[in-house]
Amino acid sequence: MKDASGKRRGQLDSTALDRLPLHPGMCAECRFLEIQASKRSAFARCGRSDFDDRFRRYPPLPVYRCAGFEQAAAPPPQGDPQRSE
C-alpha cells in the first residue's frame, strides 16, 4: 500500500516526516506508518489498523510504546561514497 507521497509503507523520507506537526516518536521507524497529507495538513496513519482493530487509525503523537511496532526495512544504499575512479 502506498502513502500520500506515493511511497510504499516503510520507505518514508525525512521530508514526509517534516510535514507532521509533531515528531511521531517510534512510528517514524515503523513499517506501518503512512503519512496522509494535503496542501495544509499532514497526519500519521497507522496501516496496521487496516487489519487489527487494537490499533487506532490516527494515534496521538508522539507514540512511545506500541505492541504492533515492526521496524521498517532500511532504504537501499544511494551509491558508494567511497568509490574511487
N, C-alpha and C. Protein backbone atom coordinates (compact mmCIF):
# COMPACT_ATOMS: atom_id res chain seq x y z
N MET A 1 0.83 -1.18 0.00
CA MET A 1 0.00 0.00 0.00
C MET A 1 0.88 1.24 0.00
N LYS A 2 0.43 2.27 -0.67
CA LYS A 2 1.22 3.50 -0.77
C LYS A 2 0.66 4.59 0.11
N ASP A 3 1.53 5.50 0.53
CA ASP A 3 1.08 6.64 1.31
C ASP A 3 0.78 7.81 0.38
N ALA A 4 0.47 8.96 0.95
CA ALA A 4 0.10 10.13 0.15
C ALA A 4 1.23 10.62 -0.75
N SER A 5 2.46 10.34 -0.39
CA SER A 5 3.58 10.80 -1.21
C SER A 5 3.88 9.82 -2.34
N GLY A 6 3.13 8.70 -2.40
CA GLY A 6 3.34 7.72 -3.45
C GLY A 6 4.38 6.68 -3.11
N LYS A 7 4.92 6.72 -1.88
CA LYS A 7 5.93 5.75 -1.48
C LYS A 7 5.26 4.61 -0.74
N ARG A 8 5.86 3.44 -0.80
CA ARG A 8 5.33 2.30 -0.07
C ARG A 8 5.59 2.50 1.42
N ARG A 9 4.78 1.83 2.23
CA ARG A 9 4.99 1.89 3.68
C ARG A 9 6.41 1.52 4.03
N GLY A 10 6.96 2.17 5.03
CA GLY A 10 8.30 1.84 5.50
C GLY A 10 9.39 2.47 4.65
N GLN A 11 9.04 3.26 3.64
CA GLN A 11 10.04 3.89 2.79
C GLN A 11 9.87 5.42 2.80
N LEU A 12 9.51 5.95 3.95
CA LEU A 12 9.32 7.39 4.05
C LEU A 12 10.65 8.09 4.17
N ASP A 13 10.71 9.30 3.66
CA ASP A 13 11.93 10.08 3.81
C ASP A 13 11.69 11.17 4.86
N SER A 14 12.74 11.88 5.22
CA SER A 14 12.62 12.89 6.26
C SER A 14 11.70 14.04 5.83
N THR A 15 11.56 14.28 4.54
CA THR A 15 10.66 15.34 4.06
C THR A 15 9.22 15.03 4.43
N ALA A 16 8.83 13.78 4.27
CA ALA A 16 7.47 13.38 4.64
C ALA A 16 7.26 13.53 6.14
N LEU A 17 8.22 13.13 6.94
CA LEU A 17 8.11 13.27 8.40
C LEU A 17 8.09 14.73 8.82
N ASP A 18 8.78 15.58 8.10
CA ASP A 18 8.81 17.01 8.44
C ASP A 18 7.46 17.68 8.25
N ARG A 19 6.58 17.09 7.47
CA ARG A 19 5.25 17.66 7.25
C ARG A 19 4.35 17.49 8.47
N LEU A 20 4.68 16.55 9.34
CA LEU A 20 3.86 16.32 10.54
C LEU A 20 4.05 17.44 11.54
N PRO A 21 2.99 17.83 12.25
CA PRO A 21 3.13 18.90 13.25
C PRO A 21 3.99 18.49 14.45
N LEU A 22 4.03 17.20 14.76
CA LEU A 22 4.85 16.66 15.85
C LEU A 22 5.64 15.48 15.31
N HIS A 23 6.80 15.22 15.91
CA HIS A 23 7.53 14.00 15.55
C HIS A 23 6.69 12.82 16.00
N PRO A 24 6.55 11.78 15.17
CA PRO A 24 5.66 10.67 15.52
C PRO A 24 6.22 9.68 16.53
N GLY A 25 7.42 9.94 17.06
CA GLY A 25 8.01 9.01 18.01
C GLY A 25 8.44 7.74 17.31
N MET A 26 8.13 6.60 17.92
CA MET A 26 8.60 5.34 17.35
C MET A 26 7.91 5.01 16.03
N CYS A 27 6.79 5.65 15.72
CA CYS A 27 6.13 5.43 14.43
C CYS A 27 7.05 5.80 13.26
N ALA A 28 7.96 6.71 13.48
CA ALA A 28 8.88 7.14 12.42
C ALA A 28 9.71 5.98 11.89
N GLU A 29 9.91 4.96 12.72
CA GLU A 29 10.72 3.81 12.34
C GLU A 29 9.87 2.57 12.01
N CYS A 30 8.55 2.71 12.05
CA CYS A 30 7.65 1.56 11.88
C CYS A 30 7.27 1.36 10.42
N ARG A 31 7.20 0.10 10.02
CA ARG A 31 6.86 -0.20 8.62
C ARG A 31 5.40 0.10 8.30
N PHE A 32 4.55 0.28 9.30
CA PHE A 32 3.13 0.54 9.05
C PHE A 32 2.78 2.03 8.97
N LEU A 33 3.73 2.91 9.21
CA LEU A 33 3.46 4.34 9.16
C LEU A 33 3.11 4.77 7.75
N GLU A 34 2.04 5.53 7.64
CA GLU A 34 1.67 6.18 6.38
C GLU A 34 1.47 7.66 6.70
N ILE A 35 1.94 8.53 5.84
CA ILE A 35 1.71 9.96 6.01
C ILE A 35 0.57 10.34 5.06
N GLN A 36 -0.51 10.82 5.64
CA GLN A 36 -1.65 11.31 4.86
C GLN A 36 -1.51 12.83 4.84
N ALA A 37 -1.32 13.40 3.67
CA ALA A 37 -1.04 14.83 3.59
C ALA A 37 -1.89 15.51 2.53
N SER A 38 -2.19 16.75 2.80
CA SER A 38 -2.85 17.63 1.83
C SER A 38 -2.00 18.90 1.76
N LYS A 39 -2.50 19.91 1.09
CA LYS A 39 -1.74 21.15 0.99
C LYS A 39 -1.54 21.80 2.35
N ARG A 40 -2.52 21.65 3.25
CA ARG A 40 -2.49 22.37 4.52
C ARG A 40 -2.14 21.53 5.75
N SER A 41 -2.28 20.23 5.67
CA SER A 41 -2.05 19.44 6.87
C SER A 41 -1.47 18.07 6.54
N ALA A 42 -0.99 17.41 7.58
CA ALA A 42 -0.44 16.06 7.44
C ALA A 42 -0.74 15.29 8.72
N PHE A 43 -1.00 14.00 8.56
CA PHE A 43 -1.34 13.14 9.67
C PHE A 43 -0.56 11.84 9.56
N ALA A 44 -0.19 11.28 10.72
CA ALA A 44 0.45 9.97 10.77
C ALA A 44 -0.66 8.94 10.89
N ARG A 45 -0.74 8.04 9.92
CA ARG A 45 -1.77 7.00 9.91
C ARG A 45 -1.12 5.65 10.15
N CYS A 46 -1.75 4.85 10.99
CA CYS A 46 -1.26 3.51 11.27
C CYS A 46 -1.87 2.51 10.29
N GLY A 47 -1.05 1.97 9.40
CA GLY A 47 -1.52 1.00 8.43
C GLY A 47 -1.92 -0.32 9.06
N ARG A 48 -1.40 -0.60 10.24
CA ARG A 48 -1.77 -1.83 10.94
C ARG A 48 -3.24 -1.81 11.34
N SER A 49 -3.82 -0.63 11.49
CA SER A 49 -5.23 -0.52 11.86
C SER A 49 -6.15 -1.07 10.77
N ASP A 50 -5.66 -1.23 9.57
CA ASP A 50 -6.46 -1.77 8.48
C ASP A 50 -6.89 -3.22 8.74
N PHE A 51 -6.07 -3.96 9.49
CA PHE A 51 -6.37 -5.37 9.71
C PHE A 51 -6.34 -5.78 11.18
N ASP A 52 -6.06 -4.85 12.08
CA ASP A 52 -6.02 -5.16 13.50
C ASP A 52 -6.72 -4.05 14.27
N ASP A 53 -7.90 -4.36 14.81
CA ASP A 53 -8.72 -3.36 15.49
C ASP A 53 -8.15 -2.85 16.81
N ARG A 54 -7.07 -3.45 17.28
CA ARG A 54 -6.45 -2.97 18.53
C ARG A 54 -5.73 -1.64 18.33
N PHE A 55 -5.48 -1.24 17.09
CA PHE A 55 -4.69 -0.05 16.81
C PHE A 55 -5.55 1.05 16.23
N ARG A 56 -5.30 2.27 16.72
CA ARG A 56 -6.04 3.44 16.23
C ARG A 56 -5.52 3.85 14.87
N ARG A 57 -6.43 4.25 14.01
CA ARG A 57 -6.04 4.66 12.66
C ARG A 57 -5.11 5.88 12.71
N TYR A 58 -5.44 6.86 13.54
CA TYR A 58 -4.60 8.05 13.70
C TYR A 58 -4.24 8.17 15.19
N PRO A 59 -3.13 7.55 15.61
CA PRO A 59 -2.77 7.56 17.03
C PRO A 59 -2.31 8.94 17.48
N PRO A 60 -2.53 9.27 18.77
CA PRO A 60 -2.00 10.53 19.29
C PRO A 60 -0.47 10.49 19.25
N LEU A 61 0.12 11.58 18.84
CA LEU A 61 1.57 11.66 18.72
C LEU A 61 2.17 12.46 19.87
N PRO A 62 3.39 12.15 20.24
CA PRO A 62 4.26 11.08 19.77
C PRO A 62 3.91 9.75 20.42
N VAL A 63 4.22 8.67 19.73
CA VAL A 63 4.00 7.31 20.25
C VAL A 63 5.31 6.82 20.86
N TYR A 64 5.24 6.39 22.14
CA TYR A 64 6.43 5.90 22.84
C TYR A 64 6.41 4.39 23.04
N ARG A 65 5.21 3.79 23.02
CA ARG A 65 5.07 2.34 23.15
C ARG A 65 4.01 1.87 22.17
N CYS A 66 4.26 0.73 21.53
CA CYS A 66 3.28 0.17 20.61
C CYS A 66 3.52 -1.32 20.47
N ALA A 67 2.51 -2.12 20.77
CA ALA A 67 2.62 -3.58 20.67
C ALA A 67 2.72 -4.05 19.23
N GLY A 68 2.31 -3.21 18.28
CA GLY A 68 2.33 -3.61 16.89
C GLY A 68 3.52 -3.11 16.09
N PHE A 69 4.47 -2.49 16.77
CA PHE A 69 5.63 -1.92 16.09
C PHE A 69 6.43 -3.00 15.36
N GLU A 70 6.77 -2.72 14.11
CA GLU A 70 7.71 -3.55 13.34
C GLU A 70 8.66 -2.60 12.64
N GLN A 71 9.93 -2.84 12.82
CA GLN A 71 10.97 -1.98 12.22
C GLN A 71 10.81 -1.94 10.70
N ALA A 72 10.85 -0.76 10.15
CA ALA A 72 10.80 -0.60 8.69
C ALA A 72 12.10 -1.10 8.08
N ALA A 73 12.01 -1.57 6.86
CA ALA A 73 13.21 -2.01 6.14
C ALA A 73 14.12 -0.82 5.90
N ALA A 74 15.39 -1.05 5.98
CA ALA A 74 16.36 0.01 5.70
C ALA A 74 16.29 0.38 4.23
N PRO A 75 16.38 1.67 3.90
CA PRO A 75 16.36 2.06 2.50
C PRO A 75 17.61 1.55 1.78
N PRO A 76 17.50 1.28 0.50
CA PRO A 76 18.68 0.81 -0.24
C PRO A 76 19.76 1.88 -0.27
N PRO A 77 21.03 1.49 -0.33
CA PRO A 77 22.12 2.47 -0.37
C PRO A 77 21.99 3.38 -1.60
N GLN A 78 22.40 4.60 -1.44
CA GLN A 78 22.31 5.61 -2.51
C GLN A 78 23.60 5.73 -3.30
N GLY A 79 24.33 4.68 -3.47
CA GLY A 79 25.61 4.75 -4.16
C GLY A 79 26.74 4.58 -3.17
N ASP A 80 27.91 4.40 -3.64
CA ASP A 80 29.06 4.15 -2.79
C ASP A 80 29.89 5.43 -2.67
N PRO A 81 29.86 6.10 -1.49
CA PRO A 81 30.64 7.33 -1.35
C PRO A 81 32.15 7.09 -1.34
N GLN A 82 32.58 5.85 -1.12
CA GLN A 82 34.00 5.51 -1.10
C GLN A 82 34.53 5.13 -2.49
N ARG A 83 33.67 5.15 -3.47
CA ARG A 83 34.06 4.71 -4.82
C ARG A 83 35.16 5.59 -5.39
N SER A 84 36.20 4.96 -5.88
CA SER A 84 37.30 5.72 -6.49
C SER A 84 37.25 5.53 -7.99
N GLU A 85 37.62 6.55 -8.71
CA GLU A 85 37.59 6.48 -10.17
C GLU A 85 38.97 6.59 -10.74
